[in-house]
Amino acid sequence: MAVMAGIYGETQPSYIGCVINTYERNGYDDSDFYAVCWDEAAQAVVEIEYDTTRCGSSGYAEIDASTEVLRKAFRYYYNCARAEFDKKWNAIQAKQVKVGDTLNVVRGRKIKPGSQGTCFWIGTRRNFYTYRDETRVGIEIDGEKHFLPIEYVEVIGWEARLIKGKERHRRIRAEAVRNFPYSYRYVFEKAYCRGKYYF
């Protein structure tokens, strides 16, 4: 038997053979209990609240995922990690400014947008208008040194830094393993997934 969501008054179990993990979410006064399940219709991993201490209920859940379900769930986590990596994190790491990079000024008033120069310094300075610390870069343009907020510049040729091939696959898989429910994480875990390659 898998999930009996007593909190909703259900009388028949659901997600039989599809429960990957269970956990408790503690609030200030009460606790809620959830089951992490594979939803075949949605082709996704879902969280089902099956019990709570907020009211009288008799729900319960049992981890009983089959090997086939685990494969489907891991593929779901892998696809989510791949989408996040390709749409966000890969570009973020590629666009990170480093000393020695050739930069293009994209905004600002003191330096004309479109001006190009070399980054010679990166640091943090206090902005006395906003009273916040901000990251700034030193850029040398035609022999003159200027200091700008880091969001005013972009790296020229950052596309060449995009992670591809086996390294891309390794990072995506490591993130998928990290997001996989702990109860079955060991099934997919490898040495390189233990913190070194997370993005």
Protein backbone atom coordinates (compact mmCIF):
# COMPACT_ATOMS: atom_id res chain seq x y z
CA MET A 1 0.00 0.00 0.00
CA ALA A 2 1.39 3.43 -0.90
CA VAL A 3 -0.45 6.64 0.04
CA MET A 4 -3.65 6.98 2.02
CA ALA A 5 -4.41 10.69 2.13
CA GLY A 6 -6.54 10.69 5.26
CA ILE A 7 -6.45 14.47 5.40
CA TYR A 8 -8.76 14.53 2.38
CA GLY A 9 -11.00 11.76 3.63
CA GLU A 10 -9.89 9.28 0.97
CA THR A 11 -10.70 5.63 1.62
CA GLN A 12 -8.61 4.02 -1.12
CA PRO A 13 -4.81 4.09 -1.45
CA SER A 14 -3.22 5.92 -4.36
CA TYR A 15 0.22 6.03 -6.03
CA ILE A 16 0.73 2.33 -5.39
CA GLY A 17 4.30 1.36 -6.27
CA CYS A 18 5.16 5.01 -6.94
CA VAL A 19 6.21 6.46 -3.56
CA ILE A 20 9.85 7.54 -3.66
CA ASN A 21 10.18 9.28 -0.31
CA THR A 22 8.28 10.65 2.69
CA TYR A 23 9.10 13.63 4.87
CA GLU A 24 7.69 15.86 7.59
CA ARG A 25 7.47 19.65 7.37
CA ASN A 26 7.46 21.20 10.82
CA GLY A 27 5.62 24.46 11.43
CA TYR A 28 5.50 26.67 14.50
CA ASP A 29 2.69 24.67 16.17
CA ASP A 30 1.92 21.83 13.77
CA SER A 31 3.50 19.40 11.33
CA ASP A 32 2.48 18.32 7.84
CA PHE A 33 3.45 15.00 6.27
CA TYR A 34 4.21 14.56 2.58
CA ALA A 35 4.91 11.73 0.17
CA VAL A 36 7.10 12.27 -2.90
CA CYS A 37 5.48 10.23 -5.69
CA TRP A 38 5.80 9.55 -9.38
CA ASP A 39 2.64 10.65 -11.21
CA GLU A 40 2.33 8.55 -14.35
CA ALA A 41 -0.41 10.71 -15.88
CA ALA A 42 1.54 13.93 -15.45
CA GLN A 43 4.91 12.26 -16.13
CA ALA A 44 6.31 14.20 -13.20
CA VAL A 45 7.31 13.89 -9.57
CA VAL A 46 4.65 15.31 -7.24
CA GLU A 47 4.34 15.90 -3.51
CA ILE A 48 1.19 14.65 -1.80
CA GLU A 49 0.17 15.85 1.66
CA TYR A 50 -1.27 12.79 3.36
CA ASP A 51 -1.43 13.72 7.04
CA THR A 52 -1.22 16.68 9.40
CA THR A 53 -1.42 17.54 13.08
CA ARG A 54 -3.63 20.56 12.31
CA CYS A 55 -6.75 18.42 12.47
CA GLY A 56 -7.82 14.85 13.13
CA SER A 57 -6.71 12.54 10.30
CA SER A 58 -5.34 9.06 9.80
CA GLY A 59 -3.31 9.28 6.63
CA TYR A 60 -0.15 7.29 6.02
CA ALA A 61 2.36 6.55 3.28
CA GLU A 62 4.85 3.78 2.55
CA ILE A 63 7.92 3.97 0.32
CA ASP A 64 7.42 1.31 -2.35
CA ALA A 65 8.78 2.65 -5.66
CA SER A 66 9.64 0.04 -8.25
CA THR A 67 12.82 0.04 -10.33
CA GLU A 68 10.91 1.25 -13.39
CA VAL A 69 9.43 4.13 -11.40
CA LEU A 70 12.86 5.13 -10.09
CA ARG A 71 14.21 5.28 -13.64
CA LYS A 72 11.32 7.49 -14.75
CA ALA A 73 11.71 9.75 -11.72
CA PHE A 74 15.44 10.13 -12.29
CA ARG A 75 14.87 10.98 -15.93
CA TYR A 76 12.44 13.68 -14.76
CA TYR A 77 15.02 15.16 -12.36
CA TYR A 78 17.68 14.94 -15.08
CA ASN A 79 15.49 16.81 -17.57
CA CYS A 80 14.74 19.51 -14.98
CA ALA A 81 18.45 19.89 -14.18
CA ARG A 82 19.31 20.01 -17.89
CA ALA A 83 16.77 22.75 -18.57
CA GLU A 84 18.03 24.78 -15.61
CA PHE A 85 21.66 24.32 -16.62
CA ASP A 86 21.18 25.14 -20.29
CA LYS A 87 18.80 28.08 -19.82
CA LYS A 88 20.48 29.67 -16.81
CA TRP A 89 23.57 28.33 -15.06
CA ASN A 90 25.75 27.59 -18.07
CA ALA A 91 25.37 31.13 -19.38
CA ILE A 92 25.88 32.62 -15.90
CA GLN A 93 29.24 30.92 -15.42
CA ALA A 94 30.30 31.78 -18.98
CA LYS A 95 29.48 35.47 -18.53
CA GLN A 96 31.30 35.80 -15.22
CA VAL A 97 33.84 38.61 -15.50
CA LYS A 98 37.49 37.73 -14.81
CA VAL A 99 40.66 39.78 -14.76
CA GLY A 100 42.14 39.83 -18.26
CA ASP A 101 38.79 39.56 -20.05
CA THR A 102 37.97 41.85 -22.94
CA LEU A 103 34.83 43.73 -21.92
CA ASN A 104 32.16 45.67 -23.76
CA VAL A 105 30.44 48.58 -21.99
CA VAL A 106 26.69 48.08 -22.37
CA ARG A 107 25.28 50.93 -20.26
CA GLY A 108 26.20 54.02 -18.30
CA ARG A 109 26.73 57.74 -18.90
CA LYS A 110 30.41 58.42 -18.23
CA ILE A 111 31.66 55.78 -20.67
CA LYS A 112 30.01 55.51 -24.07
CA PRO A 113 28.16 52.21 -24.53
CA GLY A 114 29.98 50.09 -27.11
CA SER A 115 33.42 51.02 -25.79
CA GLN A 116 35.74 48.05 -25.31
CA GLY A 117 38.62 47.50 -22.95
CA THR A 118 40.47 45.03 -20.74
CA CYS A 119 39.47 44.15 -17.18
CA PHE A 120 42.37 44.74 -14.78
CA TRP A 121 40.53 44.67 -11.42
CA ILE A 122 37.41 43.26 -9.77
CA GLY A 123 36.34 44.22 -6.27
CA THR A 124 33.64 45.48 -3.93
CA ARG A 125 33.02 49.10 -3.07
CA ARG A 126 30.44 50.92 -0.97
CA ASN A 127 27.81 52.82 -2.92
CA PHE A 128 27.16 55.96 -0.85
CA TYR A 129 23.93 56.66 -2.70
CA THR A 130 22.29 53.29 -1.99
CA TYR A 131 24.36 52.48 1.15
CA ARG A 132 25.04 49.01 -0.24
CA ASP A 133 28.16 47.16 -1.27
CA GLU A 134 28.37 46.58 -4.99
CA THR A 135 30.74 44.67 -7.25
CA ARG A 136 32.76 46.91 -9.55
CA VAL A 137 35.27 46.30 -12.30
CA GLY A 138 38.29 48.24 -13.44
CA ILE A 139 38.46 48.49 -17.20
CA GLU A 140 41.25 50.03 -19.27
CA ILE A 141 40.05 51.73 -22.44
CA ASP A 142 42.57 53.36 -24.79
CA GLY A 143 45.12 53.63 -22.00
CA GLU A 144 42.70 55.18 -19.49
CA LYS A 145 41.45 53.33 -16.43
CA HIS A 146 37.79 53.49 -15.44
CA PHE A 147 35.75 51.88 -12.68
CA LEU A 148 32.21 50.73 -13.38
CA PRO A 149 29.50 48.59 -11.74
CA ILE A 150 29.87 45.05 -13.01
CA GLU A 151 26.38 45.08 -14.54
CA TYR A 152 27.53 47.87 -16.90
CA VAL A 153 29.84 45.53 -18.82
CA GLU A 154 29.73 42.15 -20.53
CA VAL A 155 32.41 39.69 -21.55
CA ILE A 156 33.18 39.61 -25.26
CA GLY A 157 33.22 36.05 -26.58
CA TRP A 158 31.63 34.49 -23.50
CA GLU A 159 29.94 31.88 -25.72
CA ALA A 160 33.28 30.08 -26.03
CA ARG A 161 33.18 29.39 -22.28
CA LEU A 162 29.93 27.43 -22.39
CA ILE A 163 30.39 23.98 -20.90
CA LYS A 164 29.77 21.23 -23.44
CA GLY A 165 30.16 17.51 -24.00
CA LYS A 166 30.99 15.12 -21.17
CA GLU A 167 31.54 17.88 -18.62
CA ARG A 168 28.05 19.26 -19.29
CA HIS A 169 26.52 15.81 -18.88
CA ARG A 170 28.50 15.23 -15.68
CA ARG A 171 27.29 18.47 -14.08
CA ILE A 172 23.68 17.90 -15.07
CA ARG A 173 23.71 14.35 -13.74
CA ALA A 174 25.32 15.46 -10.48
CA GLU A 175 22.59 18.04 -9.95
CA ALA A 176 19.88 15.48 -10.79
CA VAL A 177 21.34 13.10 -8.18
CA ARG A 178 21.51 15.90 -5.60
CA ASN A 179 17.83 16.74 -6.14
CA PHE A 180 16.71 13.12 -6.10
CA PRO A 181 14.94 12.09 -2.85
CA TYR A 182 17.48 10.86 -0.31
CA SER A 183 15.93 7.41 0.22
CA TYR A 184 17.00 6.23 -3.26
CA ARG A 185 19.80 8.67 -4.07
CA TYR A 186 22.45 5.99 -3.59
CA VAL A 187 21.05 4.07 -6.57
CA PHE A 188 22.23 6.75 -8.99
CA GLU A 189 25.11 8.29 -7.09
CA LYS A 190 28.70 8.07 -8.33
CA ALA A 191 31.93 9.42 -6.91
CA TYR A 192 31.82 12.59 -9.00
CA CYS A 193 28.34 13.44 -7.69
CA ARG A 194 29.46 14.03 -4.10
CA GLY A 195 29.72 17.78 -4.17
CA LYS A 196 32.49 18.50 -6.67
CA TYR A 197 30.52 19.20 -9.83
CA TYR A 198 27.29 20.82 -8.57
CA PHE A 199 26.26 24.00 -10.35
